[in-house]
Protein backbone atom coordinates (compact mmCIF):
# COMPACT_ATOMS: atom_id res chain seq x y z
CA MET A 1 29.88 34.48 -42.14
CA THR A 2 28.26 37.81 -42.98
CA THR A 3 30.27 40.81 -41.76
CA ARG A 4 28.26 43.12 -39.50
CA LEU A 5 29.37 46.73 -39.09
CA HIS A 6 28.13 48.28 -35.85
CA PHE A 7 27.32 51.99 -35.50
CA ASP A 8 25.70 54.17 -32.87
CA GLU A 9 23.64 57.16 -33.96
CA LEU A 10 25.71 60.34 -34.26
CA VAL A 11 28.99 58.50 -33.61
CA ALA A 12 31.34 58.79 -36.60
CA ARG A 13 33.35 55.77 -37.68
CA GLN A 14 36.27 55.60 -40.08
CA VAL A 15 35.76 53.37 -43.11
CA SER A 16 38.07 52.39 -45.92
CA ASN A 17 38.09 54.45 -49.12
CA GLU A 18 36.75 51.55 -51.18
CA ARG A 19 33.74 51.27 -48.85
CA LEU A 20 32.80 54.96 -48.99
CA SER A 21 30.97 54.68 -52.30
CA TYR A 22 28.94 51.77 -50.94
CA PHE A 23 27.88 53.84 -47.94
CA HIS A 24 26.83 56.66 -50.27
CA LYS A 25 24.63 54.17 -52.13
CA VAL A 26 23.01 52.77 -48.99
CA GLY A 27 22.45 56.32 -47.71
CA SER A 28 20.66 57.27 -50.93
CA SER A 29 18.53 54.13 -50.68
CA LEU A 30 17.58 54.85 -47.06
CA ASN A 31 16.71 58.47 -47.85
CA ALA A 32 14.52 57.39 -50.77
CA ALA A 33 12.61 54.91 -48.60
CA LEU A 34 12.23 57.01 -45.46
CA ARG A 35 12.00 60.50 -46.98
CA PRO A 36 13.53 61.96 -43.81
CA ARG A 37 13.64 65.65 -42.92
CA ARG A 38 17.43 65.41 -42.94
CA PRO A 39 19.67 62.84 -44.66
CA VAL A 40 20.25 59.82 -42.43
CA LEU A 41 23.92 59.49 -43.38
CA SER A 42 26.80 61.94 -43.60
CA VAL A 43 30.32 61.27 -44.89
CA GLU A 44 33.20 63.56 -43.98
CA ASN A 45 36.97 63.04 -44.07
CA GLY A 46 36.61 59.31 -44.50
CA SER A 47 34.20 58.98 -41.56
CA VAL A 48 30.60 57.79 -41.76
CA ARG A 49 27.90 58.91 -39.34
CA PHE A 50 24.23 57.88 -39.11
CA GLN A 51 21.56 60.12 -37.61
CA ASN A 52 17.85 59.66 -36.96
CA LEU A 53 18.07 56.00 -37.98
CA VAL A 54 17.99 52.70 -36.10
CA GLY A 55 18.02 49.16 -37.45
CA SER A 56 20.03 47.52 -40.20
CA ALA A 57 20.70 47.87 -43.92
CA LEU A 58 22.54 45.89 -46.56
CA LEU A 59 25.64 47.26 -48.28
CA PRO A 60 26.24 46.33 -51.94
CA THR A 61 29.20 44.25 -50.69
CA GLY A 62 26.84 41.95 -48.77
CA GLU A 63 27.92 43.39 -45.42
CA ILE A 64 25.21 44.40 -42.94
CA VAL A 65 25.27 47.81 -41.27
CA GLU A 66 23.65 47.92 -37.82
CA VAL A 67 22.74 51.23 -36.17
CA ALA A 68 21.84 51.44 -32.47
CA PRO A 69 19.98 54.35 -30.78
CA LYS A 70 21.94 57.35 -29.57
CA VAL A 71 20.40 57.21 -26.09
CA GLU A 72 21.24 54.57 -23.50
CA THR A 73 19.22 51.39 -24.04
CA THR A 74 19.05 47.71 -23.13
CA ASP A 75 19.37 44.86 -25.61
CA ASN A 76 15.56 44.76 -25.81
CA TRP A 77 15.23 48.13 -27.56
CA PRO A 78 14.08 46.57 -30.88
CA LEU A 79 10.96 45.19 -29.14
CA ALA A 80 10.00 48.75 -28.20
CA VAL A 81 10.50 49.91 -31.79
CA VAL A 82 8.33 47.09 -33.15
CA GLN A 83 5.49 47.80 -30.72
CA LEU A 84 5.47 51.46 -31.75
CA LEU A 85 5.07 50.74 -35.47
CA GLU A 86 1.91 52.04 -37.14
CA PRO A 87 0.55 51.15 -40.60
CA SER A 88 1.76 54.54 -41.81
CA THR A 89 5.31 54.06 -40.48
CA ARG A 90 7.91 54.41 -43.22
CA ILE A 91 10.35 51.49 -43.14
CA ALA A 92 13.51 51.00 -45.18
CA VAL A 93 13.80 47.36 -46.25
CA THR A 94 16.59 45.55 -48.04
CA GLY A 95 16.68 41.88 -48.96
CA SER A 96 19.70 40.10 -47.55
CA GLN A 97 21.46 36.81 -48.10
CA ARG A 98 22.22 36.29 -44.41
CA SER A 99 24.60 33.39 -43.96
CA GLN A 100 23.12 32.84 -40.50
CA ALA A 101 19.70 33.76 -39.15
CA SER A 102 19.66 35.91 -36.05
CA ASN A 103 17.96 35.52 -32.70
CA ARG A 104 19.86 38.31 -30.94
CA ARG A 105 17.68 40.53 -28.79
CA ASP A 106 19.29 43.70 -30.16
CA ASP A 107 18.48 42.78 -33.77
CA LEU A 108 15.50 44.83 -35.03
CA THR A 109 14.63 42.34 -37.78
CA ALA A 110 14.60 39.41 -35.33
CA ALA A 111 12.39 41.39 -32.95
CA LEU A 112 10.05 42.21 -35.83
CA ALA A 113 9.80 38.51 -36.72
CA LEU A 114 9.03 37.48 -33.13
CA GLU A 115 6.34 40.11 -32.64
CA TYR A 116 4.75 39.38 -36.02
CA ALA A 117 4.52 35.67 -35.20
CA ARG A 118 2.90 36.44 -31.85
CA ARG A 119 0.32 38.81 -33.36
CA LEU A 120 -0.57 36.58 -36.28
CA GLU A 121 -0.91 33.48 -34.08
CA SER A 122 -3.20 35.41 -31.73
CA ALA A 123 -5.43 36.54 -34.61
CA LEU A 124 -5.66 33.06 -36.12
CA SER A 125 -6.46 31.39 -32.79
CA THR A 126 -9.22 33.86 -31.86
CA SER A 127 -10.78 34.68 -35.24
CA GLY A 128 -9.78 31.90 -37.63
CA PRO A 129 -8.62 32.58 -41.20
CA LEU A 130 -9.45 36.05 -42.50
CA GLU A 131 -12.16 35.82 -45.17
CA THR A 132 -13.38 38.49 -47.56
CA TYR A 133 -15.67 38.48 -50.58
CA GLU A 134 -13.84 37.92 -53.84
CA ARG A 135 -15.24 37.83 -57.36
CA PRO A 136 -13.33 35.18 -59.33
CA THR A 137 -14.01 34.43 -63.00
CA THR A 138 -14.21 30.77 -64.01
CA ARG A 139 -15.20 28.60 -66.98
CA SER A 140 -17.83 26.03 -66.14
CA LYS A 141 -20.37 23.72 -67.72
CA ARG A 142 -22.87 24.97 -65.15
CA LEU A 143 -24.33 28.45 -65.23
CA ASN A 144 -23.59 29.04 -61.56
CA GLY A 145 -23.09 32.79 -61.20
CA HIS A 146 -23.21 35.88 -63.40
CA LEU A 147 -22.64 35.13 -67.09
CA ASP A 148 -20.00 37.26 -68.80
CA VAL A 149 -21.94 37.48 -72.05
CA THR A 150 -19.23 39.20 -74.07
CA ARG A 151 -16.56 36.62 -73.29
CA TRP A 152 -19.01 33.71 -73.68
CA LEU A 153 -20.08 34.89 -77.15
CA ARG A 154 -16.47 34.79 -78.34
CA THR A 155 -16.31 31.02 -77.84
CA ALA A 156 -20.00 30.08 -78.07
CA PRO A 157 -19.91 29.07 -81.78
CA LEU A 158 -17.28 26.42 -80.95
CA ASP A 159 -18.32 25.47 -77.40
CA PRO A 160 -21.72 26.88 -76.41
CA THR A 161 -22.01 24.77 -73.22
CA THR A 162 -18.92 26.24 -71.51
CA PHE A 163 -19.90 29.40 -69.66
CA VAL A 164 -17.70 32.24 -68.44
CA VAL A 165 -19.17 33.15 -65.06
CA THR A 166 -18.29 35.38 -62.11
CA ARG A 167 -19.68 35.02 -58.61
CA ASP A 168 -19.08 36.45 -55.16
CA GLU A 169 -17.38 34.06 -52.75
CA LEU A 170 -16.42 34.41 -49.10
CA THR A 171 -12.91 33.01 -49.15
CA PRO A 172 -9.61 33.11 -47.25
CA ARG A 173 -7.84 33.44 -50.60
CA ASN A 174 -7.69 37.24 -50.75
CA ASP A 175 -5.06 39.97 -50.93
CA PHE A 176 -4.96 40.45 -47.16
CA THR A 177 -4.13 36.81 -46.44
CA ARG A 178 -1.72 36.68 -49.37
CA GLY A 179 0.08 39.68 -47.93
CA LEU A 180 0.16 38.24 -44.41
CA SER A 181 1.49 34.96 -45.80
CA LEU A 182 4.21 36.66 -47.83
CA VAL A 183 5.45 38.61 -44.82
CA ALA A 184 5.48 35.46 -42.68
CA GLY A 185 7.64 33.83 -45.35
CA TRP A 186 10.07 36.74 -45.56
CA LEU A 187 10.50 36.95 -41.80
CA GLY A 188 10.68 33.16 -41.51
CA ARG A 189 13.74 33.14 -43.76
CA THR A 190 15.35 35.69 -41.45
CA ALA A 191 14.47 34.05 -38.12
CA SER A 192 16.28 31.10 -36.59
CA GLY A 193 15.26 27.88 -34.85
CA GLU A 194 11.74 27.50 -33.51
CA LEU A 195 10.73 31.03 -34.54
CA GLY A 196 11.57 30.28 -38.16
CA LEU A 197 9.42 27.13 -38.01
CA ARG A 198 6.52 29.06 -36.42
CA LEU A 199 6.56 31.64 -39.18
CA ARG A 200 6.69 29.02 -41.92
CA ARG A 201 3.68 27.28 -40.35
CA LEU A 202 1.86 30.61 -40.23
CA GLN A 203 2.73 31.20 -43.87
CA THR A 204 0.40 28.35 -44.85
CA ALA A 205 -2.07 28.53 -41.94
CA VAL A 206 -3.17 32.07 -42.76
CA ILE A 207 -4.30 31.01 -46.25
CA PRO A 208 -5.47 27.39 -45.77
CA ALA A 209 -5.87 24.84 -48.56
CA SER A 210 -4.01 27.08 -50.99
CA PRO A 211 -0.52 27.17 -52.45
CA VAL A 212 1.91 29.51 -50.72
CA PRO A 213 1.52 32.83 -52.57
CA THR A 214 4.43 34.41 -54.39
CA TYR A 215 2.74 37.70 -55.31
CA VAL A 216 0.14 40.12 -53.96
CA ASN A 217 -1.29 43.32 -55.39
CA PRO A 218 0.92 46.09 -53.90
CA ALA A 219 -2.15 48.32 -53.46
CA VAL A 220 -3.31 46.17 -50.54
CA ALA A 221 -0.54 47.69 -48.39
CA ARG A 222 -2.54 50.96 -48.42
CA GLN A 223 -5.81 49.35 -47.34
CA ARG A 224 -7.25 48.87 -43.87
CA ILE A 225 -8.21 45.48 -42.50
CA PRO A 226 -12.05 45.13 -42.56
CA SER A 227 -13.61 46.05 -39.22
CA GLN A 228 -15.01 42.55 -38.64
CA TRP A 229 -11.43 41.24 -38.65
CA ALA A 230 -10.07 43.71 -36.11
CA LYS A 231 -8.01 40.98 -34.40
CA TYR A 232 -5.73 41.01 -37.45
CA ARG A 233 -4.95 44.73 -37.26
CA PRO A 234 -1.90 44.36 -34.95
CA ALA A 235 -0.31 41.90 -37.41
CA TRP A 236 -1.27 44.16 -40.32
CA ASP A 237 0.47 47.09 -38.62
CA ILE A 238 3.72 45.21 -39.26
CA ALA A 239 2.81 43.62 -42.58
CA ALA A 240 1.59 46.75 -44.39
CA PRO A 241 4.86 48.75 -44.20
CA LEU A 242 6.84 45.70 -45.31
CA LEU A 243 4.52 45.02 -48.25
CA ARG A 244 5.27 48.46 -49.63
CA HIS A 245 8.73 47.07 -50.45
CA LEU A 246 7.63 44.22 -52.74
CA SER A 247 10.05 45.38 -55.41
CA VAL A 248 12.95 44.88 -53.00
CA VAL A 249 12.13 41.55 -51.37
CA GLY A 250 9.44 40.10 -53.58
CA ASP A 251 11.61 37.49 -55.29
CA PRO A 252 11.72 34.42 -53.02
CA GLY A 253 14.75 33.08 -54.84
CA ARG A 254 16.78 36.25 -54.44
CA ALA A 255 16.45 37.25 -50.79
CA ALA A 256 16.95 34.95 -47.83
CA GLY A 257 15.68 37.53 -45.36
CA LEU A 258 15.19 41.18 -44.56
CA GLU A 259 17.13 44.05 -43.11
CA VAL A 260 14.90 46.72 -41.59
CA ALA A 261 15.61 50.31 -40.55
CA VAL A 262 13.30 53.06 -39.30
CA GLU A 263 13.39 56.74 -38.38
CA PRO A 264 12.98 56.85 -34.59
CA TRP A 265 11.60 60.36 -34.09
CA PRO A 266 8.06 59.49 -35.30
CA LEU A 267 8.07 56.64 -32.77
CA LEU A 268 8.51 59.20 -29.97
CA GLU A 269 5.43 61.05 -31.22
CA THR A 270 3.51 57.76 -31.31
CA ALA A 271 4.53 56.95 -27.73
CA LEU A 272 3.36 60.40 -26.62
CA GLU A 273 0.03 60.10 -28.44
CA ARG A 274 -0.68 56.72 -26.86
CA ALA A 275 0.25 57.99 -23.39
CA LEU A 276 -2.08 60.99 -23.73
CA ARG A 277 -4.93 58.75 -24.90
CA ALA A 278 -4.34 56.50 -21.87
CA MET A 279 -4.43 59.58 -19.65
CA ALA A 280 -7.73 60.75 -21.15
CA ALA A 281 -9.24 57.28 -20.73
CA THR A 282 -8.42 57.24 -17.01
CA ILE A 283 -8.53 60.82 -15.68
CA ASP A 284 -11.95 62.42 -15.39
CA GLY A 285 -12.15 65.69 -17.30
CA VAL A 286 -9.01 65.14 -19.42
CA THR A 287 -9.37 65.22 -23.21
CA VAL A 288 -6.80 65.12 -25.99
CA ASP A 289 -6.92 67.73 -28.74
CA PRO A 290 -6.61 66.42 -32.30
CA LYS A 291 -3.52 67.52 -34.20
CA THR A 292 -4.40 70.66 -36.09
CA ASN A 293 -3.05 74.08 -37.05
CA HIS A 294 -3.22 76.90 -34.50
CA THR A 295 -2.67 80.49 -35.57
CA LEU A 296 0.52 82.12 -34.29
CA LEU A 297 0.61 85.14 -36.63
CA SER A 298 -2.15 86.60 -38.77
CA ARG A 299 -2.49 89.56 -41.10
CA ASN A 300 -5.75 91.24 -42.04
CA GLY A 301 -7.62 88.30 -40.60
CA SER A 302 -5.68 85.69 -42.58
CA ARG A 303 -3.34 83.21 -40.95
CA SER A 304 0.27 83.62 -42.06
CA VAL A 305 2.13 81.47 -39.50
CA SER A 306 0.71 78.52 -37.58
CA VAL A 307 1.89 75.80 -35.20
CA ILE A 308 0.88 72.16 -34.74
CA PRO A 309 1.65 70.77 -31.28
CA ASP A 310 2.75 67.15 -31.04
CA GLY A 311 0.22 66.82 -28.23
CA ALA A 312 -2.23 68.95 -26.25
CA ILE A 313 -4.53 68.09 -23.36
CA ARG A 314 -7.47 69.90 -21.83
CA LEU A 315 -8.78 69.67 -18.29
CA HIS A 316 -12.53 70.35 -18.06
CA GLY A 317 -12.41 72.09 -21.44
CA GLU A 318 -9.44 74.37 -20.74
CA VAL A 319 -6.03 73.78 -22.31
CA ARG A 320 -3.79 72.33 -19.59
CA ALA A 321 -0.55 71.56 -21.45
CA THR A 322 1.06 71.35 -24.87
CA PHE A 323 3.79 68.86 -25.76
CA GLU A 324 6.67 68.93 -28.23
CA CYS A 325 8.74 65.81 -28.97
CA LYS A 326 12.47 66.21 -29.54
CA TYR A 327 14.48 63.14 -30.48
CA THR A 328 17.73 64.34 -28.97
CA ARG A 329 19.97 64.06 -25.94
CA PRO A 330 19.44 67.30 -24.02
CA GLY A 331 22.31 69.14 -22.43
CA ARG A 332 22.24 70.79 -19.05
CA ASN A 333 19.53 73.09 -20.41
CA PRO A 334 17.21 72.55 -23.39
CA TYR A 335 18.35 73.88 -26.76
CA ASP A 336 17.28 77.43 -27.55
CA ASP A 337 15.38 76.59 -30.74
CA HIS A 338 13.47 73.83 -28.93
CA VAL A 339 12.53 76.25 -26.15
CA HIS A 340 11.36 78.90 -28.62
CA GLN A 341 9.19 76.40 -30.50
CA ALA A 342 7.68 74.93 -27.34
CA LEU A 343 6.86 78.32 -25.81
CA ALA A 344 5.43 79.70 -29.05
CA THR A 345 3.18 76.67 -29.39
CA ALA A 346 1.96 76.96 -25.80
CA ALA A 347 1.31 80.68 -26.28
CA ALA A 348 -0.73 80.04 -29.44
CA LEU A 349 -2.99 77.68 -27.47
CA ARG A 350 -2.94 79.81 -24.27
CA SER A 351 -1.56 76.85 -22.35
CA PRO A 352 -0.18 77.34 -18.82
CA SER A 353 2.32 74.49 -19.26
CA SER A 354 4.69 73.60 -22.09
CA VAL A 355 6.41 70.20 -22.08
CA LEU A 356 9.48 69.10 -24.05
CA VAL A 357 9.54 65.31 -24.39
CA TYR A 358 12.82 63.44 -24.93
CA PRO A 359 13.47 59.76 -25.81
CA GLY A 360 15.68 58.97 -22.81
CA ASP A 361 15.00 58.44 -19.12
CA ASP A 362 15.56 62.10 -18.20
CA PRO A 363 13.84 63.08 -14.92
CA PRO A 364 11.45 66.04 -15.00
CA VAL A 365 13.03 69.50 -14.87
CA ARG A 366 10.82 72.55 -14.37
CA TYR A 367 11.64 76.07 -15.58
CA ASP A 368 9.69 79.23 -14.76
CA VAL A 369 8.78 81.24 -17.85
CA ALA A 370 8.92 85.04 -17.90
CA GLY A 371 7.25 87.45 -20.29
CA PHE A 372 4.34 85.33 -21.55
CA LEU A 373 1.70 86.56 -19.05
CA GLY A 374 1.04 83.03 -17.80
CA SER A 375 0.62 81.36 -21.19
CA PRO A 376 2.80 79.52 -20.50
CA VAL A 377 3.94 79.98 -16.93
CA GLU A 378 6.27 76.96 -16.95
CA LEU A 379 8.39 74.83 -19.27
CA ILE A 380 8.97 71.20 -18.24
CA THR A 381 11.43 68.76 -19.80
CA VAL A 382 11.01 65.01 -19.30
CA GLY A 383 12.15 61.73 -20.85
CA LEU A 384 9.60 59.20 -22.07
CA SER A 385 11.90 56.12 -21.98
CA LEU A 386 11.18 55.42 -25.63
CA PHE A 387 13.35 52.32 -26.01
CA SER A 388 11.89 50.45 -23.03
CA TYR A 389 8.29 50.89 -24.24
CA LYS A 390 5.74 48.07 -23.91
CA ARG A 391 2.32 48.53 -25.43
CA GLY A 392 -0.56 48.63 -22.95
CA SER A 393 1.21 48.75 -19.61
CA GLY A 394 3.78 51.13 -21.09
CA ASP A 395 1.06 53.57 -22.13
CA ALA A 396 -0.37 53.70 -18.60
CA LEU A 397 3.07 54.16 -17.03
CA ARG A 398 3.93 57.05 -19.35
CA ALA A 399 0.50 58.61 -18.86
CA ASP A 400 1.13 58.54 -15.12
CA ARG A 401 4.60 60.05 -15.56
CA LEU A 402 3.19 62.92 -17.61
CA TRP A 403 0.16 63.55 -15.38
CA ARG A 404 2.34 63.77 -12.29
CA LEU A 405 4.08 66.76 -13.87
CA PHE A 406 1.01 68.87 -13.09
CA GLN A 407 0.06 67.53 -9.65
CA ASP A 408 1.64 70.30 -7.65
CA ARG A 409 -0.21 72.83 -9.83
CA GLY A 410 -3.63 71.81 -8.53
CA ALA A 411 -4.30 68.94 -10.92
CA ALA A 412 -6.32 65.80 -10.24
CA PRO A 413 -4.89 62.61 -8.62
CA PRO A 414 -2.48 60.51 -10.70
CA LEU A 415 -3.35 57.35 -12.56
CA ALA A 416 -3.91 54.27 -10.39
């Protein structure tokens, strides 16, 4: 049975001296994959502590390290993480020889497998196999396609009736379907029971009448699904980050499954962005500003210091609020540096309201702001319940929670 070592973010745990070097190695691997702002692991006085990391990773000993969020959650928190993944999300992946597949609800890899199966099945049932134009090169006795004259001339003296031809074909045998199939296979080796069988069926169904692929061009992980196959984009949101780790899990004989870890703070920004878009889609007059630089300090007409809010909304063309995400557990009052950043950002945009967004379930707290001449006039802190997120309904609920912050300041009615 594989040993699983359980950690909570920011909670130090003593480990044996012989294990310390292994934790240093896994920390270096995670930092290389995630490129975090701060290292995800710290070791001090024989204690190991993880920060800004959730999920699992494989130690060189074969043991699996599991890290749970630092805020209070339910066992379903991995489902929220999976539904917040974007194609650009950086994921740390290690291949693992799990002695037993997992179907635990608090296992991020198992949640990833379940959600991937659901998305891929939905795409296949509504759109059929994904087909793109490919240009294969074949040798044929029939001149059916574009003749590669150079290659044909090399063999023409010996066999002039065999032609080297290329032609465009609409086929399900393309890099997108190969990638989707590979990911289904990886996750199928991790999942247990019926889920494992579903993923293995999908592994072949997504690329019909073809052998199960063992390789795909890694460059496909950076490409977008063609617009005519939009139904596949949700599945590709999961597949693309995993495919960027082909060098880790690409050998089917070496890895029985995957261990997956992510940085959670970008997920909070994603949840905020989706909530603001849902607000703009429902409330008349509300628009969302794109993320861009706003001048805070300038000299001789040139910008020297700028800010980029995590979110900003306008009401009938006027800035209504700016938002800053902070993946932390707030104390009785917000941290000074968070307050300074939030107020400076609001001032740069001349916003009357500045909002600090946290990952927990913290109720709204309103502070009056002095000395900024009304821009801003208030600072509000609120939790966005990151780890209970559900896409769709969760966006509307969070949009409503945020919009209600401004109701008593003369804003429009809340979301229905």
